[in-house]
Each structure stands twice: as structure tokens, then as C-alpha cells.
Amino acid sequence: MLELIRLNLVILIIGLIVWYSWSVVEFSVALDTLNWEGSLMYLPHGVRVLGIVFFGIRVFPALLAAELIGPYFIEPEHYFDEWFIGGAISILCVVASVRLLEWVNVDNKTSFFRPLNFTNYRFLLLAVIISALFNAIASNIVVQFFVPEITVEPIHIFRFFIGDTLGAIVFFLFLTLLFTTLADLKLVERYKNDSNQVNIDK
């Protein structure tokens, strides 16, 4: 139980740091709340995918908390009151994409409940793309339902898809650069294929 709490705290802190860093740039100019176009590089989607792919549904509380703290306490003027539903659905879209990839057996060595290693970029990339597509559709349905004065058009769905996909890829590239640099400086140990696998079955 203590390990689960620590894991959620770490994911929450990472999520908040990434969300705040993204929001500083995204909300640097005044935006109209009803101008629901979506970001073209939504970095927090990378945290969603990273959390669910490597740790499963166990980190849902941390991911949801990170989704809500920013919109409700940092930039509330840019979000509608029912955003907690949108945040939860966005995370569940990642869960659904991972389940779908498992169901179609896209990678025999990868399962939602079996060891997953950090070199499995193919599975990670597919999870990013499929979850971005699911979220682009689902989030805009939520927006249209709760805020009918916002007109959701196909371009908005497309922007959400591109924003989540690019944001997650940029986030993963940043992590790759960060840990490669730390490894070169011998501050962390390089990953080896035959060991140090991440077990998400615990």
C-alpha cells in the first residue's frame, strides 16, 4: 500500500510539473474560454501514456489529480466546471488504447499485466496515436455536451489528435535526451535488455 502511495505521488508531481510547464507557454497570452481549438502540442498526454503503459490503472488517481489541479486551481478561467469528467475520460482513453493493443496482440512480448521494457518504442508509439485519436473524439463530445455554446468542428478534433500525439512524442524525446545525458555523465545506469524490466503486475 505504501509503495502504491509513493508511486502515485511521484506520478502526480511529474504530471503537475509537466502541466504547469506546458501551461506557462500555452496561456502566455489571453485566451477566450469559448475558443476551444485545443493545443497543438499537449505535453501532459505523454504523462498519461507513460503512467498507464508502465504502471497500469494503479496510477489513475495520480493522473486524474494532475488533470484537475491545473485546470481548477492554476488556470480555471480556461476550463468549464465539469472538466473533471473530461479529465477522467482522457485517461480512460489511454487505458482503452492499451487494452486494444493487447487484444489485437500487436506485440507478443508486451502485455498490460506482464513485464514491459523501455526499448519497446513500437508499442508506446501505437498507444500514443490510438489514445490521442480516442481522446480527440471523446473530449470534444464532452465539451459539446456540457458547453453547448461551444461549436465543435472537425478541425478541433484534428487539432486535439495532433496536439496529444506531438505532445507525447516531444515529452518522450525529452525523457530520452535527459536520461541519455544522465547516463553519459554516469549519474544513472544505462538500461540493459536482459535486466531491469519494468514489471507492472505488482
C-alpha atoms as a PDB file:
ATOM      1  CA  MET A   1       0.000   0.000   0.000  1.00  0.00           C
ATOM      2  CA  LEU A   2       2.831   2.375   0.877  1.00  0.00           C
ATOM      3  CA  GLU A   3       4.538   1.578  -2.429  1.00  0.00           C
ATOM      4  CA  LEU A   4       1.330   2.409  -4.298  1.00  0.00           C
ATOM      5  CA  ILE A   5       1.019   5.740  -2.480  1.00  0.00           C
ATOM      6  CA  ARG A   6       4.639   6.630  -3.274  1.00  0.00           C
ATOM      7  CA  LEU A   7       4.137   5.694  -6.926  1.00  0.00           C
ATOM      8  CA  ASN A   8       1.035   7.889  -7.202  1.00  0.00           C
ATOM      9  CA  LEU A   9       2.819  10.785  -5.518  1.00  0.00           C
ATOM     10  CA  VAL A  10       5.705  10.559  -7.984  1.00  0.00           C
ATOM     11  CA  ILE A  11       3.343  10.438 -10.975  1.00  0.00           C
ATOM     12  CA  LEU A  12       1.330  13.333  -9.534  1.00  0.00           C
ATOM     13  CA  ILE A  13       4.432  15.500  -9.096  1.00  0.00           C
ATOM     14  CA  ILE A  14       5.654  14.705 -12.616  1.00  0.00           C
ATOM     15  CA  GLY A  15       2.203  15.395 -14.014  1.00  0.00           C
ATOM     16  CA  LEU A  16       1.938  18.748 -12.266  1.00  0.00           C
ATOM     17  CA  ILE A  17       5.421  19.832 -13.348  1.00  0.00           C
ATOM     18  CA  VAL A  18       4.721  18.930 -16.967  1.00  0.00           C
ATOM     19  CA  TRP A  19       1.241  20.515 -16.933  1.00  0.00           C
ATOM     20  CA  TYR A  20       2.491  23.740 -15.370  1.00  0.00           C
ATOM     21  CA  SER A  21       5.468  23.960 -17.750  1.00  0.00           C
ATOM     22  CA  TRP A  22       3.133  23.489 -20.703  1.00  0.00           C
ATOM     23  CA  SER A  23       0.573  25.991 -19.358  1.00  0.00           C
ATOM     24  CA  VAL A  24       3.176  28.734 -18.900  1.00  0.00           C
ATOM     25  CA  VAL A  25       3.725  28.716 -22.653  1.00  0.00           C
ATOM     26  CA  GLU A  26       0.175  27.852 -23.720  1.00  0.00           C
ATOM     27  CA  PHE A  27      -1.514  30.519 -21.607  1.00  0.00           C
ATOM     28  CA  SER A  28       1.128  33.222 -22.045  1.00  0.00           C
ATOM     29  CA  VAL A  29      -1.455  35.267 -23.937  1.00  0.00           C
ATOM     30  CA  ALA A  30      -5.086  35.866 -23.053  1.00  0.00           C
ATOM     31  CA  LEU A  31      -7.413  33.215 -24.473  1.00  0.00           C
ATOM     32  CA  ASP A  32     -11.161  33.172 -24.942  1.00  0.00           C
ATOM     33  CA  THR A  33     -12.673  30.298 -22.948  1.00  0.00           C
ATOM     34  CA  LEU A  34     -15.096  29.583 -25.762  1.00  0.00           C
ATOM     35  CA  ASN A  35     -12.307  29.388 -28.326  1.00  0.00           C
ATOM     36  CA  TRP A  36     -11.984  25.630 -27.938  1.00  0.00           C
ATOM     37  CA  GLU A  37      -9.320  24.827 -30.511  1.00  0.00           C
ATOM     38  CA  GLY A  38      -7.009  22.647 -28.455  1.00  0.00           C
ATOM     39  CA  SER A  39      -3.257  22.784 -28.079  1.00  0.00           C
ATOM     40  CA  LEU A  40      -1.074  21.649 -30.972  1.00  0.00           C
ATOM     41  CA  MET A  41       1.443  20.195 -28.517  1.00  0.00           C
ATOM     42  CA  TYR A  42      -0.218  18.902 -25.357  1.00  0.00           C
ATOM     43  CA  LEU A  43       2.735  17.601 -23.320  1.00  0.00           C
ATOM     44  CA  PRO A  44       0.622  16.217 -20.417  1.00  0.00           C
ATOM     45  CA  HIS A  45      -0.684  13.478 -22.729  1.00  0.00           C
ATOM     46  CA  GLY A  46       2.774  11.962 -22.545  1.00  0.00           C
ATOM     47  CA  VAL A  47       2.410  11.630 -18.784  1.00  0.00           C
ATOM     48  CA  ARG A  48      -0.933   9.877 -19.222  1.00  0.00           C
ATOM     49  CA  VAL A  49       0.513   7.344 -21.654  1.00  0.00           C
ATOM     50  CA  LEU A  50       3.703   6.810 -19.660  1.00  0.00           C
ATOM     51  CA  GLY A  51       1.749   6.239 -16.459  1.00  0.00           C
ATOM     52  CA  ILE A  52      -0.817   3.809 -17.854  1.00  0.00           C
ATOM     53  CA  VAL A  53       1.555   1.843 -20.103  1.00  0.00           C
ATOM     54  CA  PHE A  54       4.183   1.252 -17.440  1.00  0.00           C
ATOM     55  CA  PHE A  55       2.128   1.199 -14.238  1.00  0.00           C
ATOM     56  CA  GLY A  56      -1.428   0.435 -15.273  1.00  0.00           C
ATOM     57  CA  ILE A  57      -4.666   1.593 -13.754  1.00  0.00           C
ATOM     58  CA  ARG A  58      -2.977   1.821 -10.340  1.00  0.00           C
ATOM     59  CA  VAL A  59      -1.841   5.372 -11.111  1.00  0.00           C
ATOM     60  CA  PHE A  60      -5.287   6.571 -12.230  1.00  0.00           C
ATOM     61  CA  PRO A  61      -5.749   8.631  -9.011  1.00  0.00           C
ATOM     62  CA  ALA A  62      -2.477  10.499  -9.570  1.00  0.00           C
ATOM     63  CA  LEU A  63      -3.164  11.128 -13.248  1.00  0.00           C
ATOM     64  CA  LEU A  64      -6.671  12.375 -12.505  1.00  0.00           C
ATOM     65  CA  ALA A  65      -5.423  14.635  -9.708  1.00  0.00           C
ATOM     66  CA  ALA A  66      -2.808  16.110 -12.065  1.00  0.00           C
ATOM     67  CA  GLU A  67      -5.524  16.632 -14.702  1.00  0.00           C
ATOM     68  CA  LEU A  68      -7.715  18.517 -12.232  1.00  0.00           C
ATOM     69  CA  ILE A  69      -5.332  20.570 -10.083  1.00  0.00           C
ATOM     70  CA  GLY A  70      -4.062  22.597 -13.035  1.00  0.00           C
ATOM     71  CA  PRO A  71      -7.425  23.447 -14.647  1.00  0.00           C
ATOM     72  CA  TYR A  72      -9.224  24.074 -11.349  1.00  0.00           C
ATOM     73  CA  PHE A  73      -6.533  25.869  -9.339  1.00  0.00           C
ATOM     74  CA  ILE A  74      -3.965  27.314 -11.777  1.00  0.00           C
ATOM     75  CA  GLU A  75      -5.893  28.273 -14.935  1.00  0.00           C
ATOM     76  CA  PRO A  76      -9.598  27.879 -14.049  1.00  0.00           C
ATOM     77  CA  GLU A  77     -10.692  30.635 -16.432  1.00  0.00           C
ATOM     78  CA  HIS A  78      -9.768  28.457 -19.423  1.00  0.00           C
ATOM     79  CA  TYR A  79     -11.830  25.408 -18.398  1.00  0.00           C
ATOM     80  CA  PHE A  80     -15.505  24.671 -17.740  1.00  0.00           C
ATOM     81  CA  ASP A  81     -16.820  23.423 -14.380  1.00  0.00           C
ATOM     82  CA  GLU A  82     -17.364  19.818 -15.493  1.00  0.00           C
ATOM     83  CA  TRP A  83     -13.779  19.414 -16.697  1.00  0.00           C
ATOM     84  CA  PHE A  84     -13.197  16.592 -14.164  1.00  0.00           C
ATOM     85  CA  ILE A  85     -15.321  14.392 -16.445  1.00  0.00           C
ATOM     86  CA  GLY A  86     -13.197  15.318 -19.453  1.00  0.00           C
ATOM     87  CA  GLY A  87     -10.004  14.643 -17.498  1.00  0.00           C
ATOM     88  CA  ALA A  88     -11.192  11.208 -16.393  1.00  0.00           C
ATOM     89  CA  ILE A  89     -12.282  10.293 -19.923  1.00  0.00           C
ATOM     90  CA  SER A  90      -8.908  11.385 -21.331  1.00  0.00           C
ATOM     91  CA  ILE A  91      -7.127   8.946 -19.014  1.00  0.00           C
ATOM     92  CA  LEU A  92      -9.606   6.170 -19.756  1.00  0.00           C
ATOM     93  CA  CYS A  93      -8.899   6.701 -23.463  1.00  0.00           C
ATOM     94  CA  VAL A  94      -5.290   5.707 -22.774  1.00  0.00           C
ATOM     95  CA  VAL A  95      -6.453   2.649 -20.815  1.00  0.00           C
ATOM     96  CA  ALA A  96      -8.729   1.678 -23.726  1.00  0.00           C
ATOM     97  CA  SER A  97      -5.926   2.066 -26.262  1.00  0.00           C
ATOM     98  CA  VAL A  98      -3.578  -0.160 -24.253  1.00  0.00           C
ATOM     99  CA  ARG A  99      -6.326  -2.762 -23.832  1.00  0.00           C
ATOM    100  CA  LEU A 100      -6.996  -2.655 -27.572  1.00  0.00           C
ATOM    101  CA  LEU A 101      -3.321  -3.186 -28.398  1.00  0.00           C
ATOM    102  CA  GLU A 102      -3.247  -6.137 -26.016  1.00  0.00           C
ATOM    103  CA  TRP A 103      -6.395  -7.565 -27.560  1.00  0.00           C
ATOM    104  CA  VAL A 104      -5.035  -7.444 -31.121  1.00  0.00           C
ATOM    105  CA  ASN A 105      -1.747  -8.854 -29.781  1.00  0.00           C
ATOM    106  CA  VAL A 106       0.301  -6.194 -31.537  1.00  0.00           C
ATOM    107  CA  ASP A 107       3.415  -7.346 -29.674  1.00  0.00           C
ATOM    108  CA  ASN A 108       3.615 -10.863 -28.239  1.00  0.00           C
ATOM    109  CA  LYS A 109       6.200  -9.755 -25.688  1.00  0.00           C
ATOM    110  CA  THR A 110       4.062  -6.937 -24.358  1.00  0.00           C
ATOM    111  CA  SER A 111       1.010  -7.247 -22.176  1.00  0.00           C
ATOM    112  CA  PHE A 112      -0.849  -4.867 -19.901  1.00  0.00           C
ATOM    113  CA  PHE A 113      -0.017  -7.166 -16.983  1.00  0.00           C
ATOM    114  CA  ARG A 114       3.387  -8.537 -17.985  1.00  0.00           C
ATOM    115  CA  PRO A 115       6.921  -7.083 -17.954  1.00  0.00           C
ATOM    116  CA  LEU A 116       7.483  -4.166 -20.326  1.00  0.00           C
ATOM    117  CA  ASN A 117      10.891  -2.729 -21.123  1.00  0.00           C
ATOM    118  CA  PHE A 118      11.945   0.772 -22.013  1.00  0.00           C
ATOM    119  CA  THR A 119      13.097  -0.174 -25.518  1.00  0.00           C
ATOM    120  CA  ASN A 120       9.612  -1.090 -26.695  1.00  0.00           C
ATOM    121  CA  TYR A 121       9.020   2.100 -28.651  1.00  0.00           C
ATOM    122  CA  ARG A 122       6.636   0.491 -31.142  1.00  0.00           C
ATOM    123  CA  PHE A 123       4.041  -0.335 -28.503  1.00  0.00           C
ATOM    124  CA  LEU A 124       4.475   3.056 -26.856  1.00  0.00           C
ATOM    125  CA  LEU A 125       4.047   4.937 -30.133  1.00  0.00           C
ATOM    126  CA  LEU A 126       0.917   2.999 -31.061  1.00  0.00           C
ATOM    127  CA  ALA A 127      -0.527   3.667 -27.600  1.00  0.00           C
ATOM    128  CA  VAL A 128       0.121   7.382 -28.101  1.00  0.00           C
ATOM    129  CA  ILE A 129      -1.534   7.523 -31.528  1.00  0.00           C
ATOM    130  CA  ILE A 130      -4.598   5.423 -30.680  1.00  0.00           C
ATOM    131  CA  SER A 131      -5.218   7.124 -27.332  1.00  0.00           C
ATOM    132  CA  ALA A 132      -4.835  10.535 -28.996  1.00  0.00           C
ATOM    133  CA  LEU A 133      -7.495   9.561 -31.545  1.00  0.00           C
ATOM    134  CA  PHE A 134      -9.860   8.255 -28.849  1.00  0.00           C
ATOM    135  CA  ASN A 135      -9.331  11.348 -26.721  1.00  0.00           C
ATOM    136  CA  ALA A 136      -9.788  13.778 -29.610  1.00  0.00           C
ATOM    137  CA  ILE A 137     -13.253  12.363 -30.228  1.00  0.00           C
ATOM    138  CA  ALA A 138     -14.312  11.728 -26.623  1.00  0.00           C
ATOM    139  CA  SER A 139     -13.111  15.061 -25.202  1.00  0.00           C
ATOM    140  CA  ASN A 140     -14.913  17.067 -27.838  1.00  0.00           C
ATOM    141  CA  ILE A 141     -18.116  15.095 -27.239  1.00  0.00           C
ATOM    142  CA  VAL A 142     -17.835  16.001 -23.538  1.00  0.00           C
ATOM    143  CA  VAL A 143     -17.238  19.656 -24.405  1.00  0.00           C
ATOM    144  CA  GLN A 144     -20.198  19.790 -26.770  1.00  0.00           C
ATOM    145  CA  PHE A 145     -22.453  18.113 -24.186  1.00  0.00           C
ATOM    146  CA  PHE A 146     -21.590  20.314 -21.203  1.00  0.00           C
ATOM    147  CA  VAL A 147     -20.886  23.562 -23.035  1.00  0.00           C
ATOM    148  CA  PRO A 148     -23.297  23.618 -25.983  1.00  0.00           C
ATOM    149  CA  GLU A 149     -22.394  27.222 -26.791  1.00  0.00           C
ATOM    150  CA  ILE A 150     -19.014  25.931 -27.953  1.00  0.00           C
ATOM    151  CA  THR A 151     -19.233  24.783 -31.564  1.00  0.00           C
ATOM    152  CA  VAL A 152     -17.082  21.689 -32.040  1.00  0.00           C
ATOM    153  CA  GLU A 153     -15.942  21.250 -35.624  1.00  0.00           C
ATOM    154  CA  PRO A 154     -13.820  18.544 -37.309  1.00  0.00           C
ATOM    155  CA  ILE A 155     -10.785  20.836 -37.209  1.00  0.00           C
ATOM    156  CA  HIS A 156     -10.988  20.855 -33.404  1.00  0.00           C
ATOM    157  CA  ILE A 157     -10.921  17.050 -33.282  1.00  0.00           C
ATOM    158  CA  PHE A 158      -7.958  17.070 -35.662  1.00  0.00           C
ATOM    159  CA  ARG A 159      -6.104  19.629 -33.531  1.00  0.00           C
ATOM    160  CA  PHE A 160      -6.692  17.558 -30.397  1.00  0.00           C
ATOM    161  CA  PHE A 161      -5.326  14.468 -32.131  1.00  0.00           C
ATOM    162  CA  ILE A 162      -2.233  16.262 -33.426  1.00  0.00           C
ATOM    163  CA  GLY A 163      -1.696  18.050 -30.106  1.00  0.00           C
ATOM    164  CA  ASP A 164      -1.829  14.884 -27.998  1.00  0.00           C
ATOM    165  CA  THR A 165       0.350  12.931 -30.436  1.00  0.00           C
ATOM    166  CA  LEU A 166       3.033  15.594 -30.845  1.00  0.00           C
ATOM    167  CA  GLY A 167       2.955  16.482 -27.158  1.00  0.00           C
ATOM    168  CA  ALA A 168       3.513  12.898 -26.064  1.00  0.00           C
ATOM    169  CA  ILE A 169       6.286  12.348 -28.619  1.00  0.00           C
ATOM    170  CA  VAL A 170       8.087  15.535 -27.557  1.00  0.00           C
ATOM    171  CA  PHE A 171       7.730  14.512 -23.904  1.00  0.00           C
ATOM    172  CA  PHE A 172       9.252  11.079 -24.607  1.00  0.00           C
ATOM    173  CA  LEU A 173      12.062  12.588 -26.678  1.00  0.00           C
ATOM    174  CA  PHE A 174      12.832  14.916 -23.770  1.00  0.00           C
ATOM    175  CA  LEU A 175      12.965  11.971 -21.350  1.00  0.00           C
ATOM    176  CA  THR A 176      15.210  10.046 -23.747  1.00  0.00           C
ATOM    177  CA  LEU A 177      17.585  13.002 -24.036  1.00  0.00           C
ATOM    178  CA  LEU A 178      17.515  13.576 -20.279  1.00  0.00           C
ATOM    179  CA  PHE A 179      18.299  10.004 -19.285  1.00  0.00           C
ATOM    180  CA  THR A 180      20.861   9.571 -22.077  1.00  0.00           C
ATOM    181  CA  THR A 181      22.662  12.663 -20.796  1.00  0.00           C
ATOM    182  CA  LEU A 182      22.489  11.434 -17.207  1.00  0.00           C
ATOM    183  CA  ALA A 183      23.826   8.046 -18.322  1.00  0.00           C
ATOM    184  CA  ASP A 184      26.694   9.672 -20.210  1.00  0.00           C
ATOM    185  CA  LEU A 185      27.513  11.595 -17.049  1.00  0.00           C
ATOM    186  CA  LYS A 186      27.287   8.276 -15.168  1.00  0.00           C
ATOM    187  CA  LEU A 187      24.599   9.679 -12.897  1.00  0.00           C
ATOM    188  CA  VAL A 188      22.257   6.823 -13.807  1.00  0.00           C
ATOM    189  CA  GLU A 189      22.899   3.317 -15.106  1.00  0.00           C
ATOM    190  CA  ARG A 190      22.067   2.561 -18.714  1.00  0.00           C
ATOM    191  CA  TYR A 191      19.153   0.244 -19.381  1.00  0.00           C
ATOM    192  CA  LYS A 192      20.060  -3.309 -20.374  1.00  0.00           C
ATOM    193  CA  ASN A 193      17.697  -5.503 -22.364  1.00  0.00           C
ATOM    194  CA  ASP A 194      18.285  -8.583 -20.244  1.00  0.00           C
ATOM    195  CA  SER A 195      17.562  -6.892 -16.920  1.00  0.00           C
ATOM    196  CA  ASN A 196      15.848  -4.034 -15.150  1.00  0.00           C
ATOM    197  CA  GLN A 197      12.496  -4.668 -16.789  1.00  0.00           C
ATOM    198  CA  VAL A 198       9.529  -2.758 -15.509  1.00  0.00           C
ATOM    199  CA  ASN A 199       7.007  -5.151 -14.022  1.00  0.00           C
ATOM    200  CA  ILE A 200       3.529  -3.691 -13.991  1.00  0.00           C
ATOM    201  CA  ASP A 201       1.977  -6.817 -12.496  1.00  0.00           C
ATOM    202  CA  LYS A 202       2.837  -5.842  -8.937  1.00  0.00           C
END
